[in-house]
Amino acid sequence: MIQKGAEPFFFSGGSHGVLLLHGFTGSPADLLLLGKFLHRQGFTVLAPRIAGHGTTEEDLSRQTAEDWLDSARDGYAMLSGCCKKISVVGHSMGGVLAFLLAAECKVHRLVSLATPVFVAPERGADRLPPLQFCRGRFVPKHRRHMEKVPDAVNETYLTMPLVSVHELFGLMHTMTEKLSSVDRPALILHSVNDHTADPKSAAYLAEHIRTERKAVVYLKRSGHLLPLDKERDKVFSMTAKFLLGKWHFHRSKKRKETEEAQAKGSPSGEAVERKRD
C-alpha cells in the first residue's frame, strides 16, 4: 500500500514537460512544492513514485537499481506522450537517475539538486558491510523535521535496508561511467553544508559531463534537502529560470576560442549566432 501523500502527481500545462525525480527513501511529496511552482510557470509536471518508495522498507529492499531507473524511464515515456520537449530535475538519487536518463534519452535540460558522486564522510559509507552480510538487515535512518512542507515529507521511512544502499552505490557508479554521454545544458545546485552528498560531487559532475552549457551554484544556508530547506524559493526560481532558457552561461575558454574561430570563417566576418535551446 502506498503511504498517504506519497502518490505520484501530474500537473497539466504547456508543451514543455518537466520530470521530477525524488531521492532515496523519499517520495514525490519531497518535490510537490517545486512541482506546483513550475506548474505556475506554465510547465507540465510529472513526479513518479520510484519503485519501492512511499510504501514499506521491506518493499524497498526487494527493488534493484534497474527498477529505479525503469521508474524514471516510465515517467519520461508518459511525458513524451503529451509534451514536445522534456527536461528532468532530480534530487539526490533522483539526480543520479536524471543524469542516467539524459545519457540515453532526448532530454532538453537537466537540473541536478544535491546529486551524490561522493558520500559525505560523516555518513560512514566506508563501514557498509559486504553485500552478503546485508540481506535482511535494516539500520535507523534519521531525517530532520522540515517546516511548512507536505505532511508526507516528515513521514518517511524510519529505517533503510542495507541491500538497497548497495544498490544505490552501484547506481552512482554507473552514473559516473555515463557522464561523458550527457551533452545537454545542465544546472548543478549543491549546498556547501550538505552532510549526505559531499559538496565536491558538484564539481565532479560539471567536469565530467560533455556539454559546455553548464553552471554550478553552491548554496550556503541549506542542507541536503534543497527542495525543502531554507533556500527552497531560490532553488525554485533558479530552476525555472534555467528551464525557461533564460540562464546566462559563462563561456569557457575552449568554447570562446571555438566561437571566435567560427566567426572568422563566416563569409560576412560576423559572429555566428548560436541556436537557442
C-alpha atoms as a PDB file:
ATOM      1  CA  MET A   1       0.000   0.000   0.000  1.00  0.00           C
ATOM      2  CA  ILE A   2       1.216   3.475  -0.864  1.00  0.00           C
ATOM      3  CA  GLN A   3       1.625   5.817   2.097  1.00  0.00           C
ATOM      4  CA  LYS A   4      -0.815   8.713   2.257  1.00  0.00           C
ATOM      5  CA  GLY A   5       0.638  11.705   0.443  1.00  0.00           C
ATOM      6  CA  ALA A   6       3.394   9.696  -1.272  1.00  0.00           C
ATOM      7  CA  GLU A   7       1.455   9.229  -4.502  1.00  0.00           C
ATOM      8  CA  PRO A   8       2.795  10.411  -7.869  1.00  0.00           C
ATOM      9  CA  PHE A   9       1.474  13.752  -9.082  1.00  0.00           C
ATOM     10  CA  PHE A  10       0.811  15.257 -12.506  1.00  0.00           C
ATOM     11  CA  PHE A  11       0.010  18.855 -13.418  1.00  0.00           C
ATOM     12  CA  SER A  12      -1.036  19.525 -17.000  1.00  0.00           C
ATOM     13  CA  GLY A  13       0.447  22.659 -18.512  1.00  0.00           C
ATOM     14  CA  GLY A  14       2.330  23.660 -21.641  1.00  0.00           C
ATOM     15  CA  SER A  15       4.272  21.679 -24.231  1.00  0.00           C
ATOM     16  CA  HIS A  16       7.474  21.728 -22.140  1.00  0.00           C
ATOM     17  CA  GLY A  17       7.284  18.848 -19.690  1.00  0.00           C
ATOM     18  CA  VAL A  18       9.350  18.550 -16.519  1.00  0.00           C
ATOM     19  CA  LEU A  19      10.054  15.176 -14.962  1.00  0.00           C
ATOM     20  CA  LEU A  20      10.741  15.440 -11.220  1.00  0.00           C
ATOM     21  CA  LEU A  21      12.662  12.554  -9.629  1.00  0.00           C
ATOM     22  CA  HIS A  22      12.833  12.205  -5.845  1.00  0.00           C
ATOM     23  CA  GLY A  23      15.610  10.812  -3.703  1.00  0.00           C
ATOM     24  CA  PHE A  24      16.475   7.592  -1.876  1.00  0.00           C
ATOM     25  CA  THR A  25      13.818   6.611   0.726  1.00  0.00           C
ATOM     26  CA  GLY A  26      11.868   9.753  -0.197  1.00  0.00           C
ATOM     27  CA  SER A  27       8.672  10.196  -2.204  1.00  0.00           C
ATOM     28  CA  PRO A  28       7.118  12.569  -4.760  1.00  0.00           C
ATOM     29  CA  ALA A  29       5.930  14.683  -1.804  1.00  0.00           C
ATOM     30  CA  ASP A  30       9.512  15.938  -1.433  1.00  0.00           C
ATOM     31  CA  LEU A  31       9.114  17.687  -4.788  1.00  0.00           C
ATOM     32  CA  LEU A  32       5.477  18.783  -4.543  1.00  0.00           C
ATOM     33  CA  LEU A  33       6.260  22.412  -3.685  1.00  0.00           C
ATOM     34  CA  LEU A  34       8.721  22.644  -6.569  1.00  0.00           C
ATOM     35  CA  GLY A  35       6.221  20.948  -8.879  1.00  0.00           C
ATOM     36  CA  LYS A  36       3.476  23.431  -8.044  1.00  0.00           C
ATOM     37  CA  PHE A  37       5.878  26.330  -8.585  1.00  0.00           C
ATOM     38  CA  LEU A  38       6.963  25.036 -12.007  1.00  0.00           C
ATOM     39  CA  HIS A  39       3.351  24.438 -12.999  1.00  0.00           C
ATOM     40  CA  ARG A  40       2.587  28.082 -12.262  1.00  0.00           C
ATOM     41  CA  GLN A  41       5.359  28.973 -14.711  1.00  0.00           C
ATOM     42  CA  GLY A  42       3.494  27.088 -17.444  1.00  0.00           C
ATOM     43  CA  PHE A  43       5.228  23.695 -17.405  1.00  0.00           C
ATOM     44  CA  THR A  44       3.567  20.305 -17.495  1.00  0.00           C
ATOM     45  CA  VAL A  45       4.921  18.478 -14.448  1.00  0.00           C
ATOM     46  CA  LEU A  46       5.129  14.797 -13.568  1.00  0.00           C
ATOM     47  CA  ALA A  47       6.667  13.297 -10.425  1.00  0.00           C
ATOM     48  CA  PRO A  48       6.592   9.485 -10.494  1.00  0.00           C
ATOM     49  CA  ARG A  49       6.990   7.356  -7.387  1.00  0.00           C
ATOM     50  CA  ILE A  50      10.279   5.479  -7.689  1.00  0.00           C
ATOM     51  CA  ALA A  51       9.869   1.716  -7.180  1.00  0.00           C
ATOM     52  CA  GLY A  52       9.959   0.659  -3.528  1.00  0.00           C
ATOM     53  CA  HIS A  53       9.420   4.175  -2.210  1.00  0.00           C
ATOM     54  CA  GLY A  54       6.418   5.531  -0.362  1.00  0.00           C
ATOM     55  CA  THR A  55       5.409   2.004   0.697  1.00  0.00           C
ATOM     56  CA  THR A  56       7.499  -0.002   3.178  1.00  0.00           C
ATOM     57  CA  GLU A  57      11.153  -0.591   3.898  1.00  0.00           C
ATOM     58  CA  GLU A  58      10.662  -4.255   3.056  1.00  0.00           C
ATOM     59  CA  ASP A  59       9.281  -3.333  -0.356  1.00  0.00           C
ATOM     60  CA  LEU A  60      12.313  -1.125  -0.969  1.00  0.00           C
ATOM     61  CA  SER A  61      14.662  -3.993  -0.105  1.00  0.00           C
ATOM     62  CA  ARG A  62      13.211  -6.047  -2.956  1.00  0.00           C
ATOM     63  CA  GLN A  63      13.905  -3.421  -5.635  1.00  0.00           C
ATOM     64  CA  THR A  64      17.050  -3.023  -7.717  1.00  0.00           C
ATOM     65  CA  ALA A  65      18.790  -0.028  -9.223  1.00  0.00           C
ATOM     66  CA  GLU A  66      17.394  -1.083 -12.598  1.00  0.00           C
ATOM     67  CA  ASP A  67      13.878  -0.979 -11.144  1.00  0.00           C
ATOM     68  CA  TRP A  68      14.510   2.589 -10.009  1.00  0.00           C
ATOM     69  CA  LEU A  69      15.818   3.593 -13.415  1.00  0.00           C
ATOM     70  CA  ASP A  70      12.803   1.947 -15.061  1.00  0.00           C
ATOM     71  CA  SER A  71      10.537   4.138 -12.919  1.00  0.00           C
ATOM     72  CA  ALA A  72      12.298   7.198 -14.338  1.00  0.00           C
ATOM     73  CA  ARG A  73      12.071   5.801 -17.876  1.00  0.00           C
ATOM     74  CA  ASP A  74       8.353   5.197 -17.436  1.00  0.00           C
ATOM     75  CA  GLY A  75       7.881   8.791 -16.319  1.00  0.00           C
ATOM     76  CA  TYR A  76       9.790  10.060 -19.352  1.00  0.00           C
ATOM     77  CA  ALA A  77       7.655   7.897 -21.650  1.00  0.00           C
ATOM     78  CA  MET A  78       4.449   9.240 -20.112  1.00  0.00           C
ATOM     79  CA  LEU A  79       5.510  12.838 -20.584  1.00  0.00           C
ATOM     80  CA  SER A  80       6.656  12.195 -24.147  1.00  0.00           C
ATOM     81  CA  GLY A  81       3.059  11.392 -24.990  1.00  0.00           C
ATOM     82  CA  CYS A  82       1.866  14.912 -24.189  1.00  0.00           C
ATOM     83  CA  CYS A  83       4.913  17.188 -24.399  1.00  0.00           C
ATOM     84  CA  LYS A  84       7.125  18.352 -27.271  1.00  0.00           C
ATOM     85  CA  LYS A  85      10.219  18.588 -25.075  1.00  0.00           C
ATOM     86  CA  ILE A  86      11.121  17.135 -21.703  1.00  0.00           C
ATOM     87  CA  SER A  87      13.500  18.421 -19.054  1.00  0.00           C
ATOM     88  CA  VAL A  88      14.487  16.461 -15.974  1.00  0.00           C
ATOM     89  CA  VAL A  89      15.005  17.695 -12.412  1.00  0.00           C
ATOM     90  CA  GLY A  90      16.407  15.205  -9.915  1.00  0.00           C
ATOM     91  CA  HIS A  91      17.082  15.455  -6.201  1.00  0.00           C
ATOM     92  CA  SER A  92      19.773  13.273  -4.606  1.00  0.00           C
ATOM     93  CA  MET A  93      19.310   9.746  -6.004  1.00  0.00           C
ATOM     94  CA  GLY A  94      16.771  11.305  -8.348  1.00  0.00           C
ATOM     95  CA  GLY A  95      19.648  13.386  -9.700  1.00  0.00           C
ATOM     96  CA  VAL A  96      21.614  10.212 -10.359  1.00  0.00           C
ATOM     97  CA  LEU A  97      18.625   8.890 -12.287  1.00  0.00           C
ATOM     98  CA  ALA A  98      18.329  12.202 -14.134  1.00  0.00           C
ATOM     99  CA  PHE A  99      21.917  12.037 -15.411  1.00  0.00           C
ATOM    100  CA  LEU A 100      21.428   8.423 -16.497  1.00  0.00           C
ATOM    101  CA  LEU A 101      18.212   9.353 -18.281  1.00  0.00           C
ATOM    102  CA  ALA A 102      19.953  12.252 -20.037  1.00  0.00           C
ATOM    103  CA  ALA A 103      22.645   9.837 -21.222  1.00  0.00           C
ATOM    104  CA  GLU A 104      20.120   7.628 -23.003  1.00  0.00           C
ATOM    105  CA  CYS A 105      17.092   9.803 -23.855  1.00  0.00           C
ATOM    106  CA  LYS A 106      16.419  13.095 -25.604  1.00  0.00           C
ATOM    107  CA  VAL A 107      16.401  15.435 -22.613  1.00  0.00           C
ATOM    108  CA  HIS A 108      16.026  19.169 -23.213  1.00  0.00           C
ATOM    109  CA  ARG A 109      17.604  20.446 -20.000  1.00  0.00           C
ATOM    110  CA  LEU A 110      18.828  18.893 -16.773  1.00  0.00           C
ATOM    111  CA  VAL A 111      18.756  20.238 -13.219  1.00  0.00           C
ATOM    112  CA  SER A 112      20.727  18.453 -10.508  1.00  0.00           C
ATOM    113  CA  LEU A 113      19.770  19.065  -6.877  1.00  0.00           C
ATOM    114  CA  ALA A 114      22.353  17.675  -4.428  1.00  0.00           C
ATOM    115  CA  THR A 115      23.261  14.728  -6.650  1.00  0.00           C
ATOM    116  CA  PRO A 116      25.837  12.462  -4.972  1.00  0.00           C
ATOM    117  CA  VAL A 117      29.013  11.250  -6.589  1.00  0.00           C
ATOM    118  CA  PHE A 118      30.770  11.066  -3.246  1.00  0.00           C
ATOM    119  CA  VAL A 119      29.079  10.366   0.079  1.00  0.00           C
ATOM    120  CA  ALA A 120      29.886  12.779   2.897  1.00  0.00           C
ATOM    121  CA  PRO A 121      32.459  11.218   5.288  1.00  0.00           C
ATOM    122  CA  GLU A 122      30.195  11.575   8.311  1.00  0.00           C
ATOM    123  CA  ARG A 123      27.747   9.117   6.736  1.00  0.00           C
ATOM    124  CA  GLY A 124      30.214   6.302   7.354  1.00  0.00           C
ATOM    125  CA  ALA A 125      29.835   4.668   3.951  1.00  0.00           C
ATOM    126  CA  ASP A 126      33.229   3.033   4.439  1.00  0.00           C
ATOM    127  CA  ARG A 127      31.662   0.952   7.235  1.00  0.00           C
ATOM    128  CA  LEU A 128      28.990  -0.597   5.000  1.00  0.00           C
ATOM    129  CA  PRO A 129      29.266  -4.395   5.329  1.00  0.00           C
ATOM    130  CA  PRO A 130      29.788  -6.531   2.217  1.00  0.00           C
ATOM    131  CA  LEU A 131      26.576  -7.333   0.356  1.00  0.00           C
ATOM    132  CA  GLN A 132      26.430 -10.942   1.549  1.00  0.00           C
ATOM    133  CA  PHE A 133      26.132  -9.697   5.140  1.00  0.00           C
ATOM    134  CA  CYS A 134      23.462  -7.080   4.385  1.00  0.00           C
ATOM    135  CA  ARG A 135      20.461  -9.139   3.355  1.00  0.00           C
ATOM    136  CA  GLY A 136      17.618  -8.747   5.816  1.00  0.00           C
ATOM    137  CA  ARG A 137      19.447  -6.021   7.730  1.00  0.00           C
ATOM    138  CA  PHE A 138      17.932  -2.592   8.321  1.00  0.00           C
ATOM    139  CA  VAL A 139      19.530   0.404  10.011  1.00  0.00           C
ATOM    140  CA  PRO A 140      17.901   3.517  11.514  1.00  0.00           C
ATOM    141  CA  LYS A 141      17.523   6.459   9.177  1.00  0.00           C
ATOM    142  CA  HIS A 142      17.482   9.903  10.710  1.00  0.00           C
ATOM    143  CA  ARG A 143      15.968  12.866   8.899  1.00  0.00           C
ATOM    144  CA  ARG A 144      15.335  16.221  10.486  1.00  0.00           C
ATOM    145  CA  HIS A 145      11.815  17.553  10.731  1.00  0.00           C
ATOM    146  CA  MET A 146      11.026  20.058   7.986  1.00  0.00           C
ATOM    147  CA  GLU A 147       8.732  23.044   8.489  1.00  0.00           C
ATOM    148  CA  LYS A 148       5.881  24.162   6.203  1.00  0.00           C
ATOM    149  CA  VAL A 149       6.081  21.163   3.899  1.00  0.00           C
ATOM    150  CA  PRO A 150       3.574  18.454   2.841  1.00  0.00           C
ATOM    151  CA  ASP A 151       2.849  16.061   5.715  1.00  0.00           C
ATOM    152  CA  ALA A 152       4.240  13.062   3.836  1.00  0.00           C
ATOM    153  CA  VAL A 153       7.692  14.662   3.789  1.00  0.00           C
ATOM    154  CA  ASN A 154       8.051  14.082   7.522  1.00  0.00           C
ATOM    155  CA  GLU A 155       6.552  10.595   7.424  1.00  0.00           C
ATOM    156  CA  THR A 156       9.423   8.929   5.591  1.00  0.00           C
ATOM    157  CA  TYR A 157      10.999   5.554   6.332  1.00  0.00           C
ATOM    158  CA  LEU A 158      12.490   5.196   9.802  1.00  0.00           C
ATOM    159  CA  THR A 159      14.951   2.535   8.654  1.00  0.00           C
ATOM    160  CA  MET A 160      16.679   1.655   5.416  1.00  0.00           C
ATOM    161  CA  PRO A 161      17.683  -1.747   4.052  1.00  0.00           C
ATOM    162  CA  LEU A 162      21.434  -2.173   3.663  1.00  0.00           C
ATOM    163  CA  VAL A 163      20.985  -4.116   0.416  1.00  0.00           C
ATOM    164  CA  SER A 164      19.334  -1.003  -1.014  1.00  0.00           C
ATOM    165  CA  VAL A 165      22.328   1.103  -0.007  1.00  0.00           C
ATOM    166  CA  HIS A 166      24.468  -1.251  -2.080  1.00  0.00           C
ATOM    167  CA  GLU A 167      22.070  -0.779  -4.991  1.00  0.00           C
ATOM    168  CA  LEU A 168      22.334   2.996  -4.586  1.00  0.00           C
ATOM    169  CA  PHE A 169      26.120   2.933  -4.621  1.00  0.00           C
ATOM    170  CA  GLY A 170      26.053   0.745  -7.709  1.00  0.00           C
ATOM    171  CA  LEU A 171      23.700   3.211  -9.398  1.00  0.00           C
ATOM    172  CA  MET A 172      26.032   6.094  -8.550  1.00  0.00           C
ATOM    173  CA  HIS A 173      28.980   4.206 -10.043  1.00  0.00           C
ATOM    174  CA  THR A 174      27.031   3.539 -13.243  1.00  0.00           C
ATOM    175  CA  MET A 175      26.245   7.244 -13.483  1.00  0.00           C
ATOM    176  CA  THR A 176      29.919   8.214 -13.323  1.00  0.00           C
ATOM    177  CA  GLU A 177      30.584   5.859 -16.237  1.00  0.00           C
ATOM    178  CA  LYS A 178      27.833   7.511 -18.319  1.00  0.00           C
ATOM    179  CA  LEU A 179      28.521  11.190 -17.610  1.00  0.00           C
ATOM    180  CA  SER A 180      30.565  11.677 -20.778  1.00  0.00           C
ATOM    181  CA  SER A 181      27.404  10.899 -22.764  1.00  0.00           C
ATOM    182  CA  VAL A 182      25.476  13.791 -21.194  1.00  0.00           C
ATOM    183  CA  ASP A 183      25.590  16.675 -23.658  1.00  0.00           C
ATOM    184  CA  ARG A 184      22.516  18.676 -22.647  1.00  0.00           C
ATOM    185  CA  PRO A 185      22.521  22.021 -20.792  1.00  0.00           C
ATOM    186  CA  ALA A 186      22.844  21.358 -17.081  1.00  0.00           C
ATOM    187  CA  LEU A 187      22.335  23.359 -13.894  1.00  0.00           C
ATOM    188  CA  ILE A 188      24.003  21.809 -10.850  1.00  0.00           C
ATOM    189  CA  LEU A 189      22.872  23.062  -7.423  1.00  0.00           C
ATOM    190  CA  HIS A 190      24.518  21.893  -4.213  1.00  0.00           C
ATOM    191  CA  SER A 191      24.887  23.135  -0.668  1.00  0.00           C
ATOM    192  CA  VAL A 192      28.275  23.630   0.928  1.00  0.00           C
ATOM    193  CA  ASN A 193      26.635  22.298   4.102  1.00  0.00           C
ATOM    194  CA  ASP A 194      25.417  19.044   2.582  1.00  0.00           C
ATOM    195  CA  HIS A 195      26.257  16.249   5.025  1.00  0.00           C
ATOM    196  CA  THR A 196      24.875  13.485   2.825  1.00  0.00           C
ATOM    197  CA  ALA A 197      26.155  14.129  -0.699  1.00  0.00           C
ATOM    198  CA  ASP A 198      29.667  15.514  -0.410  1.00  0.00           C
ATOM    199  CA  PRO A 199      29.749  19.038  -1.939  1.00  0.00           C
ATOM    200  CA  LYS A 200      32.718  18.082  -4.128  1.00  0.00           C
ATOM    201  CA  SER A 201      30.224  15.965  -6.084  1.00  0.00           C
ATOM    202  CA  ALA A 202      29.004  19.103  -7.879  1.00  0.00           C
ATOM    203  CA  ALA A 203      32.398  19.968  -9.341  1.00  0.00           C
ATOM    204  CA  TYR A 204      32.926  16.361 -10.417  1.00  0.00           C
ATOM    205  CA  LEU A 205      29.627  16.318 -12.287  1.00  0.00           C
ATOM    206  CA  ALA A 206      30.361  19.590 -14.040  1.00  0.00           C
ATOM    207  CA  GLU A 207      33.824  18.455 -15.025  1.00  0.00           C
ATOM    208  CA  HIS A 208      32.759  15.104 -16.470  1.00  0.00           C
ATOM    209  CA  ILE A 209      29.625  15.910 -18.495  1.00  0.00           C
ATOM    210  CA  ARG A 210      30.270  16.749 -22.126  1.00  0.00           C
ATOM    211  CA  THR A 211      28.243  19.913 -22.536  1.00  0.00           C
ATOM    212  CA  GLU A 212      29.815  23.366 -22.337  1.00  0.00           C
ATOM    213  CA  ARG A 213      26.449  24.819 -21.318  1.00  0.00           C
ATOM    214  CA  LYS A 214      26.621  24.096 -17.628  1.00  0.00           C
ATOM    215  CA  ALA A 215      26.556  26.027 -14.383  1.00  0.00           C
ATOM    216  CA  VAL A 216      27.310  25.143 -10.778  1.00  0.00           C
ATOM    217  CA  VAL A 217      25.721  27.105  -7.934  1.00  0.00           C
ATOM    218  CA  TYR A 218      26.597  26.487  -4.276  1.00  0.00           C
ATOM    219  CA  LEU A 219      24.042  27.367  -1.622  1.00  0.00           C
ATOM    220  CA  LYS A 220      25.120  28.349   1.877  1.00  0.00           C
ATOM    221  CA  ARG A 221      22.095  28.091   4.161  1.00  0.00           C
ATOM    222  CA  SER A 222      20.675  24.722   3.117  1.00  0.00           C
ATOM    223  CA  GLY A 223      21.456  21.107   3.849  1.00  0.00           C
ATOM    224  CA  HIS A 224      20.866  18.115   1.606  1.00  0.00           C
ATOM    225  CA  LEU A 225      17.119  18.647   1.122  1.00  0.00           C
ATOM    226  CA  LEU A 226      17.355  21.536  -1.324  1.00  0.00           C
ATOM    227  CA  PRO A 227      13.695  21.419  -2.486  1.00  0.00           C
ATOM    228  CA  LEU A 228      12.513  21.701   1.134  1.00  0.00           C
ATOM    229  CA  ASP A 229      15.105  23.715   3.014  1.00  0.00           C
ATOM    230  CA  LYS A 230      15.564  27.404   3.883  1.00  0.00           C
ATOM    231  CA  GLU A 231      16.642  28.429   0.378  1.00  0.00           C
ATOM    232  CA  ARG A 232      13.986  26.492  -1.495  1.00  0.00           C
ATOM    233  CA  ASP A 233      12.464  29.627  -3.022  1.00  0.00           C
ATOM    234  CA  LYS A 234      15.860  30.434  -4.506  1.00  0.00           C
ATOM    235  CA  VAL A 235      16.180  26.855  -5.755  1.00  0.00           C
ATOM    236  CA  PHE A 236      12.727  27.070  -7.350  1.00  0.00           C
ATOM    237  CA  SER A 237      13.395  30.376  -9.104  1.00  0.00           C
ATOM    238  CA  MET A 238      16.798  29.302 -10.418  1.00  0.00           C
ATOM    239  CA  THR A 239      15.334  26.042 -11.679  1.00  0.00           C
ATOM    240  CA  ALA A 240      12.519  27.817 -13.509  1.00  0.00           C
ATOM    241  CA  LYS A 241      14.857  30.425 -14.989  1.00  0.00           C
ATOM    242  CA  PHE A 242      17.138  27.703 -16.288  1.00  0.00           C
ATOM    243  CA  LEU A 243      14.335  25.574 -17.724  1.00  0.00           C
ATOM    244  CA  LEU A 244      12.845  28.617 -19.447  1.00  0.00           C
ATOM    245  CA  GLY A 245      16.137  29.160 -21.267  1.00  0.00           C
ATOM    246  CA  LYS A 246      16.861  32.458 -19.503  1.00  0.00           C
ATOM    247  CA  TRP A 247      20.086  31.359 -17.811  1.00  0.00           C
ATOM    248  CA  HIS A 248      23.252  33.141 -18.906  1.00  0.00           C
ATOM    249  CA  PHE A 249      26.131  30.709 -19.295  1.00  0.00           C
ATOM    250  CA  HIS A 250      29.673  31.947 -18.848  1.00  0.00           C
ATOM    251  CA  ARG A 251      31.684  30.836 -21.831  1.00  0.00           C
ATOM    252  CA  SER A 252      34.630  28.589 -21.147  1.00  0.00           C
ATOM    253  CA  LYS A 253      37.969  29.435 -22.767  1.00  0.00           C
ATOM    254  CA  LYS A 254      37.594  26.469 -25.139  1.00  0.00           C
ATOM    255  CA  ARG A 255      34.095  27.489 -26.184  1.00  0.00           C
ATOM    256  CA  LYS A 256      35.139  31.094 -26.672  1.00  0.00           C
ATOM    257  CA  GLU A 257      38.024  30.058 -28.920  1.00  0.00           C
ATOM    258  CA  THR A 258      35.699  27.811 -30.952  1.00  0.00           C
ATOM    259  CA  GLU A 259      33.138  30.573 -31.481  1.00  0.00           C
ATOM    260  CA  GLU A 260      35.840  33.066 -32.456  1.00  0.00           C
ATOM    261  CA  ALA A 261      37.215  30.587 -34.994  1.00  0.00           C
ATOM    262  CA  GLN A 262      33.730  30.064 -36.423  1.00  0.00           C
ATOM    263  CA  ALA A 263      33.197  33.803 -36.662  1.00  0.00           C
ATOM    264  CA  LYS A 264      36.432  34.323 -38.563  1.00  0.00           C
ATOM    265  CA  GLY A 265      35.438  31.597 -41.003  1.00  0.00           C
ATOM    266  CA  SER A 266      31.971  33.003 -41.741  1.00  0.00           C
ATOM    267  CA  PRO A 267      31.530  34.786 -45.122  1.00  0.00           C
ATOM    268  CA  SER A 268      30.439  38.078 -43.575  1.00  0.00           C
ATOM    269  CA  GLY A 269      33.149  38.073 -40.949  1.00  0.00           C
ATOM    270  CA  GLU A 270      30.461  38.494 -38.299  1.00  0.00           C
ATOM    271  CA  ALA A 271      29.941  36.347 -35.245  1.00  0.00           C
ATOM    272  CA  VAL A 272      27.986  33.182 -35.834  1.00  0.00           C
ATOM    273  CA  GLU A 273      24.776  33.215 -33.814  1.00  0.00           C
ATOM    274  CA  ARG A 274      24.296  30.190 -31.576  1.00  0.00           C
ATOM    275  CA  LYS A 275      20.938  28.486 -31.805  1.00  0.00           C
ATOM    276  CA  ARG A 276      18.997  28.847 -28.584  1.00  0.00           C
ATOM    277  CA  ASP A 277      17.586  25.787 -26.872  1.00  0.00           C
END
